[in-house]
Amino acid sequence: MDKEFLTITEAADYFGWSIQTLKNRMASGVLKRGIHWFKRQGEIGPRFDRAACAARIREGKGENEERGQVVIPMARGYNLKSVDQG
C-alpha cells in the first residue's frame, strides 16, 4: 500500500491552512504524532500522512457543515460546533 507523505509546506497548501494553523493543530493534538505526522531522526521537518490527515479533517465535517455550522475537530476526539444564530 502506497502512502503519500507531505512536508509541512505541502500539507498546509493541500489542506488550505497556513503553516501556523498546521503547527497549532499539531501542538494541540488535533493531528497526532505517529498517526497523522512523524519526524525521523536527521530530517529537517515533520512529514504528514496525507490520507490520515484527510480522514481526521473529514470527521469534523458532514451534516453540521452542510447546515452552515463551523465544526472544529478537537484533540480529545470531540468536535467543537458553532451555535446556530437563526
PDB file of N, CA and C in Angstrom:
ATOM      1  N   MET A   1       0.845  -1.184   0.000  1.00  0.00           N
ATOM      2  CA  MET A   1       0.000   0.000   0.000  1.00  0.00           C
ATOM      3  C   MET A   1       0.888   1.244   0.000  1.00  0.00           C
ATOM      4  N   ASP A   2       0.706   2.088  -0.990  1.00  0.00           N
ATOM      5  CA  ASP A   2       1.491   3.312  -1.092  1.00  0.00           C
ATOM      6  C   ASP A   2       0.889   4.393  -0.211  1.00  0.00           C
ATOM      7  N   LYS A   3       1.755   5.043   0.576  1.00  0.00           N
ATOM      8  CA  LYS A   3       1.317   6.172   1.377  1.00  0.00           C
ATOM      9  C   LYS A   3       1.972   7.418   0.815  1.00  0.00           C
ATOM     10  N   GLU A   4       1.255   8.496   0.856  1.00  0.00           N
ATOM     11  CA  GLU A   4       1.800   9.765   0.391  1.00  0.00           C
ATOM     12  C   GLU A   4       2.112  10.614   1.611  1.00  0.00           C
ATOM     13  N   PHE A   5       3.367  10.992   1.738  1.00  0.00           N
ATOM     14  CA  PHE A   5       3.803  11.820   2.851  1.00  0.00           C
ATOM     15  C   PHE A   5       4.142  13.210   2.344  1.00  0.00           C
ATOM     16  N   LEU A   6       3.699  14.210   3.084  1.00  0.00           N
ATOM     17  CA  LEU A   6       3.849  15.607   2.677  1.00  0.00           C
ATOM     18  C   LEU A   6       4.739  16.344   3.667  1.00  0.00           C
ATOM     19  N   THR A   7       5.475  17.335   3.175  1.00  0.00           N
ATOM     20  CA  THR A   7       6.208  18.237   4.060  1.00  0.00           C
ATOM     21  C   THR A   7       5.197  19.182   4.704  1.00  0.00           C
ATOM     22  N   ILE A   8       5.645  19.971   5.653  1.00  0.00           N
ATOM     23  CA  ILE A   8       4.726  20.882   6.332  1.00  0.00           C
ATOM     24  C   ILE A   8       4.156  21.919   5.359  1.00  0.00           C
ATOM     25  N   THR A   9       4.979  22.396   4.427  1.00  0.00           N
ATOM     26  CA  THR A   9       4.505  23.372   3.432  1.00  0.00           C
ATOM     27  C   THR A   9       3.501  22.728   2.482  1.00  0.00           C
ATOM     28  N   GLU A  10       3.798  21.517   2.027  1.00  0.00           N
ATOM     29  CA  GLU A  10       2.893  20.812   1.125  1.00  0.00           C
ATOM     30  C   GLU A  10       1.566  20.496   1.814  1.00  0.00           C
ATOM     31  N   ALA A  11       1.639  20.081   3.087  1.00  0.00           N
ATOM     32  CA  ALA A  11       0.418  19.758   3.829  1.00  0.00           C
ATOM     33  C   ALA A  11      -0.439  21.005   4.039  1.00  0.00           C
ATOM     34  N   ALA A  12       0.185  22.127   4.388  1.00  0.00           N
ATOM     35  CA  ALA A  12      -0.564  23.376   4.578  1.00  0.00           C
ATOM     36  C   ALA A  12      -1.254  23.785   3.280  1.00  0.00           C
ATOM     37  N   ASP A  13      -0.542  23.677   2.168  1.00  0.00           N
ATOM     38  CA  ASP A  13      -1.133  24.011   0.870  1.00  0.00           C
ATOM     39  C   ASP A  13      -2.262  23.049   0.520  1.00  0.00           C
ATOM     40  N   TYR A  14      -2.045  21.767   0.753  1.00  0.00           N
ATOM     41  CA  TYR A  14      -3.038  20.746   0.407  1.00  0.00           C
ATOM     42  C   TYR A  14      -4.355  20.968   1.157  1.00  0.00           C
ATOM     43  N   PHE A  15      -4.252  21.283   2.458  1.00  0.00           N
ATOM     44  CA  PHE A  15      -5.457  21.444   3.263  1.00  0.00           C
ATOM     45  C   PHE A  15      -5.976  22.875   3.299  1.00  0.00           C
ATOM     46  N   GLY A  16      -5.257  23.802   2.675  1.00  0.00           N
ATOM     47  CA  GLY A  16      -5.713  25.191   2.614  1.00  0.00           C
ATOM     48  C   GLY A  16      -5.545  25.927   3.924  1.00  0.00           C
ATOM     49  N   TRP A  17      -4.564  25.530   4.723  1.00  0.00           N
ATOM     50  CA  TRP A  17      -4.284  26.168   6.003  1.00  0.00           C
ATOM     51  C   TRP A  17      -2.968  26.926   5.896  1.00  0.00           C
ATOM     52  N   SER A  18      -2.755  27.818   6.838  1.00  0.00           N
ATOM     53  CA  SER A  18      -1.430  28.428   6.953  1.00  0.00           C
ATOM     54  C   SER A  18      -0.521  27.427   7.670  1.00  0.00           C
ATOM     55  N   ILE A  19       0.776  27.640   7.547  1.00  0.00           N
ATOM     56  CA  ILE A  19       1.725  26.771   8.243  1.00  0.00           C
ATOM     57  C   ILE A  19       1.514  26.885   9.744  1.00  0.00           C
ATOM     58  N   GLN A  20       1.207  28.084  10.236  1.00  0.00           N
ATOM     59  CA  GLN A  20       0.991  28.264  11.679  1.00  0.00           C
ATOM     60  C   GLN A  20      -0.243  27.492  12.155  1.00  0.00           C
ATOM     61  N   THR A  21      -1.310  27.472  11.361  1.00  0.00           N
ATOM     62  CA  THR A  21      -2.501  26.702  11.727  1.00  0.00           C
ATOM     63  C   THR A  21      -2.152  25.226  11.824  1.00  0.00           C
ATOM     64  N   LEU A  22      -1.382  24.731  10.879  1.00  0.00           N
ATOM     65  CA  LEU A  22      -0.966  23.336  10.900  1.00  0.00           C
ATOM     66  C   LEU A  22      -0.136  23.040  12.148  1.00  0.00           C
ATOM     67  N   LYS A  23       0.795  23.924  12.473  1.00  0.00           N
ATOM     68  CA  LYS A  23       1.613  23.746  13.681  1.00  0.00           C
ATOM     69  C   LYS A  23       0.752  23.798  14.943  1.00  0.00           C
ATOM     70  N   ASN A  24      -0.246  24.681  14.956  1.00  0.00           N
ATOM     71  CA  ASN A  24      -1.143  24.770  16.107  1.00  0.00           C
ATOM     72  C   ASN A  24      -1.921  23.472  16.293  1.00  0.00           C
ATOM     73  N   ARG A  25      -2.377  22.878  15.189  1.00  0.00           N
ATOM     74  CA  ARG A  25      -3.128  21.623  15.269  1.00  0.00           C
ATOM     75  C   ARG A  25      -2.236  20.468  15.702  1.00  0.00           C
ATOM     76  N   MET A  26      -0.958  20.521  15.354  1.00  0.00           N
ATOM     77  CA  MET A  26      -0.001  19.525  15.831  1.00  0.00           C
ATOM     78  C   MET A  26       0.206  19.702  17.334  1.00  0.00           C
ATOM     79  N   ALA A  27       0.434  20.926  17.772  1.00  0.00           N
ATOM     80  CA  ALA A  27       0.717  21.206  19.177  1.00  0.00           C
ATOM     81  C   ALA A  27      -0.464  20.892  20.081  1.00  0.00           C
ATOM     82  N   SER A  28      -1.680  21.131  19.585  1.00  0.00           N
ATOM     83  CA  SER A  28      -2.859  20.891  20.414  1.00  0.00           C
ATOM     84  C   SER A  28      -3.292  19.434  20.410  1.00  0.00           C
ATOM     85  N   GLY A  29      -2.700  18.627  19.527  1.00  0.00           N
ATOM     86  CA  GLY A  29      -3.039  17.210  19.500  1.00  0.00           C
ATOM     87  C   GLY A  29      -4.155  16.849  18.546  1.00  0.00           C
ATOM     88  N   VAL A  30      -4.653  17.815  17.792  1.00  0.00           N
ATOM     89  CA  VAL A  30      -5.669  17.502  16.789  1.00  0.00           C
ATOM     90  C   VAL A  30      -5.064  16.557  15.752  1.00  0.00           C
ATOM     91  N   LEU A  31      -3.853  16.869  15.314  1.00  0.00           N
ATOM     92  CA  LEU A  31      -3.092  15.968  14.454  1.00  0.00           C
ATOM     93  C   LEU A  31      -2.049  15.301  15.345  1.00  0.00           C
ATOM     94  N   LYS A  32      -2.156  13.999  15.510  1.00  0.00           N
ATOM     95  CA  LYS A  32      -1.347  13.271  16.479  1.00  0.00           C
ATOM     96  C   LYS A  32      -0.066  12.705  15.864  1.00  0.00           C
ATOM     97  N   ARG A  33       1.016  12.852  16.640  1.00  0.00           N
ATOM     98  CA  ARG A  33       2.301  12.290  16.227  1.00  0.00           C
ATOM     99  C   ARG A  33       2.194  10.767  16.190  1.00  0.00           C
ATOM    100  N   GLY A  34       2.693  10.176  15.143  1.00  0.00           N
ATOM    101  CA  GLY A  34       2.645   8.728  14.989  1.00  0.00           C
ATOM    102  C   GLY A  34       1.420   8.251  14.228  1.00  0.00           C
ATOM    103  N   ILE A  35       0.407   9.079  14.146  1.00  0.00           N
ATOM    104  CA  ILE A  35      -0.802   8.745  13.386  1.00  0.00           C
ATOM    105  C   ILE A  35      -0.891   9.641  12.159  1.00  0.00           C
ATOM    106  N   HIS A  36      -0.894  10.948  12.394  1.00  0.00           N
ATOM    107  CA  HIS A  36      -1.058  11.910  11.313  1.00  0.00           C
ATOM    108  C   HIS A  36       0.277  12.454  10.816  1.00  0.00           C
ATOM    109  N   TRP A  37       1.271  12.485  11.685  1.00  0.00           N
ATOM    110  CA  TRP A  37       2.564  13.013  11.304  1.00  0.00           C
ATOM    111  C   TRP A  37       3.671  12.319  12.074  1.00  0.00           C
ATOM    112  N   PHE A  38       4.874  12.390  11.553  1.00  0.00           N
ATOM    113  CA  PHE A  38       6.039  11.814  12.205  1.00  0.00           C
ATOM    114  C   PHE A  38       7.271  12.623  11.826  1.00  0.00           C
ATOM    115  N   LYS A  39       8.329  12.432  12.582  1.00  0.00           N
ATOM    116  CA  LYS A  39       9.592  13.095  12.281  1.00  0.00           C
ATOM    117  C   LYS A  39      10.703  12.090  12.533  1.00  0.00           C
ATOM    118  N   ARG A  40      11.422  11.775  11.474  1.00  0.00           N
ATOM    119  CA  ARG A  40      12.545  10.847  11.591  1.00  0.00           C
ATOM    120  C   ARG A  40      13.792  11.594  12.036  1.00  0.00           C
ATOM    121  N   GLN A  41      14.639  10.896  12.754  1.00  0.00           N
ATOM    122  CA  GLN A  41      15.892  11.491  13.187  1.00  0.00           C
ATOM    123  C   GLN A  41      16.707  11.890  11.964  1.00  0.00           C
ATOM    124  N   GLY A  42      17.219  13.095  11.977  1.00  0.00           N
ATOM    125  CA  GLY A  42      18.029  13.594  10.876  1.00  0.00           C
ATOM    126  C   GLY A  42      17.243  14.371   9.832  1.00  0.00           C
ATOM    127  N   GLU A  43      15.909  14.276   9.852  1.00  0.00           N
ATOM    128  CA  GLU A  43      15.107  15.050   8.902  1.00  0.00           C
ATOM    129  C   GLU A  43      14.879  16.450   9.452  1.00  0.00           C
ATOM    130  N   ILE A  44      14.730  17.381   8.557  1.00  0.00           N
ATOM    131  CA  ILE A  44      14.583  18.777   8.967  1.00  0.00           C
ATOM    132  C   ILE A  44      13.208  19.055   9.566  1.00  0.00           C
ATOM    133  N   GLY A  45      12.163  18.525   8.991  1.00  0.00           N
ATOM    134  CA  GLY A  45      10.822  18.829   9.486  1.00  0.00           C
ATOM    135  C   GLY A  45       9.940  17.593   9.514  1.00  0.00           C
ATOM    136  N   PRO A  46       8.733  17.749  10.030  1.00  0.00           N
ATOM    137  CA  PRO A  46       7.809  16.617  10.099  1.00  0.00           C
ATOM    138  C   PRO A  46       7.286  16.237   8.724  1.00  0.00           C
ATOM    139  N   ARG A  47       6.797  15.018   8.612  1.00  0.00           N
ATOM    140  CA  ARG A  47       6.139  14.525   7.408  1.00  0.00           C
ATOM    141  C   ARG A  47       4.725  14.131   7.807  1.00  0.00           C
ATOM    142  N   PHE A  48       3.784  14.415   6.925  1.00  0.00           N
ATOM    143  CA  PHE A  48       2.374  14.178   7.200  1.00  0.00           C
ATOM    144  C   PHE A  48       1.833  13.079   6.309  1.00  0.00           C
ATOM    145  N   ASP A  49       1.080  12.171   6.904  1.00  0.00           N
ATOM    146  CA  ASP A  49       0.390  11.127   6.142  1.00  0.00           C
ATOM    147  C   ASP A  49      -0.881  11.771   5.595  1.00  0.00           C
ATOM    148  N   ARG A  50      -0.888  12.016   4.289  1.00  0.00           N
ATOM    149  CA  ARG A  50      -1.994  12.738   3.666  1.00  0.00           C
ATOM    150  C   ARG A  50      -3.330  12.071   3.934  1.00  0.00           C
ATOM    151  N   ALA A  51      -3.409  10.763   3.794  1.00  0.00           N
ATOM    152  CA  ALA A  51      -4.676  10.041   3.963  1.00  0.00           C
ATOM    153  C   ALA A  51      -5.178  10.119   5.406  1.00  0.00           C
ATOM    154  N   ALA A  52      -4.279   9.955   6.383  1.00  0.00           N
ATOM    155  CA  ALA A  52      -4.688  10.003   7.793  1.00  0.00           C
ATOM    156  C   ALA A  52      -5.164  11.399   8.180  1.00  0.00           C
ATOM    157  N   CYS A  53      -4.467  12.432   7.698  1.00  0.00           N
ATOM    158  CA  CYS A  53      -4.879  13.810   7.997  1.00  0.00           C
ATOM    159  C   CYS A  53      -6.227  14.119   7.362  1.00  0.00           C
ATOM    160  N   ALA A  54      -6.405  13.699   6.107  1.00  0.00           N
ATOM    161  CA  ALA A  54      -7.669  13.955   5.412  1.00  0.00           C
ATOM    162  C   ALA A  54      -8.822  13.269   6.131  1.00  0.00           C
ATOM    163  N   ALA A  55      -8.605  12.052   6.613  1.00  0.00           N
ATOM    164  CA  ALA A  55      -9.662  11.340   7.339  1.00  0.00           C
ATOM    165  C   ALA A  55     -10.014  12.061   8.636  1.00  0.00           C
ATOM    166  N   ARG A  56      -9.007  12.577   9.350  1.00  0.00           N
ATOM    167  CA  ARG A  56      -9.246  13.296  10.605  1.00  0.00           C
ATOM    168  C   ARG A  56     -10.035  14.578  10.354  1.00  0.00           C
ATOM    169  N   ILE A  57      -9.709  15.274   9.276  1.00  0.00           N
ATOM    170  CA  ILE A  57     -10.409  16.514   8.944  1.00  0.00           C
ATOM    171  C   ILE A  57     -11.852  16.221   8.552  1.00  0.00           C
ATOM    172  N   ARG A  58     -12.061  15.132   7.804  1.00  0.00           N
ATOM    173  CA  ARG A  58     -13.426  14.759   7.401  1.00  0.00           C
ATOM    174  C   ARG A  58     -14.307  14.432   8.597  1.00  0.00           C
ATOM    175  N   GLU A  59     -13.721  13.956   9.704  1.00  0.00           N
ATOM    176  CA  GLU A  59     -14.506  13.645  10.901  1.00  0.00           C
ATOM    177  C   GLU A  59     -15.262  14.877  11.400  1.00  0.00           C
ATOM    178  N   GLY A  60     -14.685  16.056  11.198  1.00  0.00           N
ATOM    179  CA  GLY A  60     -15.295  17.294  11.664  1.00  0.00           C
ATOM    180  C   GLY A  60     -16.261  17.902  10.678  1.00  0.00           C
ATOM    181  N   LYS A  61     -16.417  17.267   9.528  1.00  0.00           N
ATOM    182  CA  LYS A  61     -17.311  17.797   8.501  1.00  0.00           C
ATOM    183  C   LYS A  61     -18.516  16.879   8.365  1.00  0.00           C
ATOM    184  N   GLY A  62     -19.457  17.288   7.596  1.00  0.00           N
ATOM    185  CA  GLY A  62     -20.637  16.452   7.387  1.00  0.00           C
ATOM    186  C   GLY A  62     -21.901  17.266   7.474  1.00  0.00           C
ATOM    187  N   GLU A  63     -22.907  16.706   8.149  1.00  0.00           N
ATOM    188  CA  GLU A  63     -24.217  17.349   8.166  1.00  0.00           C
ATOM    189  C   GLU A  63     -24.199  18.712   8.846  1.00  0.00           C
ATOM    190  N   ASN A  64     -23.377  18.894   9.873  1.00  0.00           N
ATOM    191  CA  ASN A  64     -23.317  20.195  10.531  1.00  0.00           C
ATOM    192  C   ASN A  64     -22.747  21.261   9.617  1.00  0.00           C
ATOM    193  N   GLU A  65     -21.741  20.894   8.831  1.00  0.00           N
ATOM    194  CA  GLU A  65     -21.157  21.850   7.910  1.00  0.00           C
ATOM    195  C   GLU A  65     -22.150  22.212   6.811  1.00  0.00           C
ATOM    196  N   GLU A  66     -22.946  21.230   6.375  1.00  0.00           N
ATOM    197  CA  GLU A  66     -23.942  21.499   5.347  1.00  0.00           C
ATOM    198  C   GLU A  66     -24.982  22.495   5.825  1.00  0.00           C
ATOM    199  N   ARG A  67     -25.224  22.529   7.135  1.00  0.00           N
ATOM    200  CA  ARG A  67     -26.173  23.484   7.705  1.00  0.00           C
ATOM    201  C   ARG A  67     -25.530  24.833   7.988  1.00  0.00           C
ATOM    202  N   GLY A  68     -24.281  24.990   7.605  1.00  0.00           N
ATOM    203  CA  GLY A  68     -23.610  26.264   7.794  1.00  0.00           C
ATOM    204  C   GLY A  68     -22.916  26.412   9.130  1.00  0.00           C
ATOM    205  N   GLN A  69     -22.839  25.352   9.917  1.00  0.00           N
ATOM    206  CA  GLN A  69     -22.140  25.420  11.188  1.00  0.00           C
ATOM    207  C   GLN A  69     -20.652  25.231  10.973  1.00  0.00           C
ATOM    208  N   VAL A  70     -19.872  25.872  11.805  1.00  0.00           N
ATOM    209  CA  VAL A  70     -18.436  25.670  11.797  1.00  0.00           C
ATOM    210  C   VAL A  70     -18.142  24.511  12.734  1.00  0.00           C
ATOM    211  N   VAL A  71     -17.376  23.533  12.261  1.00  0.00           N
ATOM    212  CA  VAL A  71     -17.041  22.364  13.053  1.00  0.00           C
ATOM    213  C   VAL A  71     -15.522  22.265  13.116  1.00  0.00           C
ATOM    214  N   ILE A  72     -14.979  22.209  14.349  1.00  0.00           N
ATOM    215  CA  ILE A  72     -13.534  22.136  14.536  1.00  0.00           C
ATOM    216  C   ILE A  72     -13.215  20.848  15.280  1.00  0.00           C
ATOM    217  N   PRO A  73     -12.437  19.930  14.657  1.00  0.00           N
ATOM    218  CA  PRO A  73     -12.045  18.722  15.381  1.00  0.00           C
ATOM    219  C   PRO A  73     -11.090  19.080  16.511  1.00  0.00           C
ATOM    220  N   MET A  74     -11.342  18.564  17.713  1.00  0.00           N
ATOM    221  CA  MET A  74     -10.540  18.873  18.883  1.00  0.00           C
ATOM    222  C   MET A  74      -9.640  17.690  19.244  1.00  0.00           C
ATOM    223  N   ALA A  75      -8.619  17.956  20.034  1.00  0.00           N
ATOM    224  CA  ALA A  75      -7.584  16.979  20.334  1.00  0.00           C
ATOM    225  C   ALA A  75      -8.115  15.729  21.033  1.00  0.00           C
ATOM    226  N   ARG A  76      -9.106  15.849  21.866  1.00  0.00           N
ATOM    227  CA  ARG A  76      -9.575  14.696  22.634  1.00  0.00           C
ATOM    228  C   ARG A  76     -10.674  13.912  21.932  1.00  0.00           C
ATOM    229  N   GLY A  77     -10.837  14.150  20.636  1.00  0.00           N
ATOM    230  CA  GLY A  77     -11.737  13.338  19.841  1.00  0.00           C
ATOM    231  C   GLY A  77     -13.134  13.880  19.640  1.00  0.00           C
ATOM    232  N   TYR A  78     -13.468  15.005  20.236  1.00  0.00           N
ATOM    233  CA  TYR A  78     -14.803  15.554  20.007  1.00  0.00           C
ATOM    234  C   TYR A  78     -14.717  16.700  19.007  1.00  0.00           C
ATOM    235  N   ASN A  79     -15.849  17.154  18.531  1.00  0.00           N
ATOM    236  CA  ASN A  79     -15.906  18.258  17.579  1.00  0.00           C
ATOM    237  C   ASN A  79     -16.566  19.467  18.214  1.00  0.00           C
ATOM    238  N   LEU A  80     -15.920  20.602  18.121  1.00  0.00           N
ATOM    239  CA  LEU A  80     -16.466  21.856  18.613  1.00  0.00           C
ATOM    240  C   LEU A  80     -17.322  22.438  17.503  1.00  0.00           C
ATOM    241  N   LYS A  81     -18.595  22.697  17.793  1.00  0.00           N
ATOM    242  CA  LYS A  81     -19.532  23.185  16.780  1.00  0.00           C
ATOM    243  C   LYS A  81     -20.005  24.587  17.142  1.00  0.00           C
ATOM    244  N   SER A  82     -20.238  25.375  16.099  1.00  0.00           N
ATOM    245  CA  SER A  82     -20.769  26.708  16.334  1.00  0.00           C
ATOM    246  C   SER A  82     -22.239  26.615  16.713  1.00  0.00           C
ATOM    247  N   VAL A  83     -22.721  27.667  17.344  1.00  0.00           N
ATOM    248  CA  VAL A  83     -24.133  27.721  17.750  1.00  0.00           C
ATOM    249  C   VAL A  83     -24.907  28.413  16.651  1.00  0.00           C
ATOM    250  N   ASP A  84     -26.042  27.815  16.255  1.00  0.00           N
ATOM    251  CA  ASP A  84     -26.904  28.440  15.239  1.00  0.00           C
ATOM    252  C   ASP A  84     -27.435  29.756  15.761  1.00  0.00           C
ATOM    253  N   GLN A  85     -27.381  30.771  14.941  1.00  0.00           N
ATOM    254  CA  GLN A  85     -27.884  32.080  15.310  1.00  0.00           C
ATOM    255  C   GLN A  85     -29.274  32.350  14.745  1.00  0.00           C
ATOM    256  N   GLY A  86     -29.829  31.359  14.051  1.00  0.00           N
ATOM    257  CA  GLY A  86     -31.119  31.552  13.385  1.00  0.00           C
ATOM    258  C   GLY A  86     -32.223  31.178  14.176  1.00  0.00           C
TER     259      GLY A  86
END
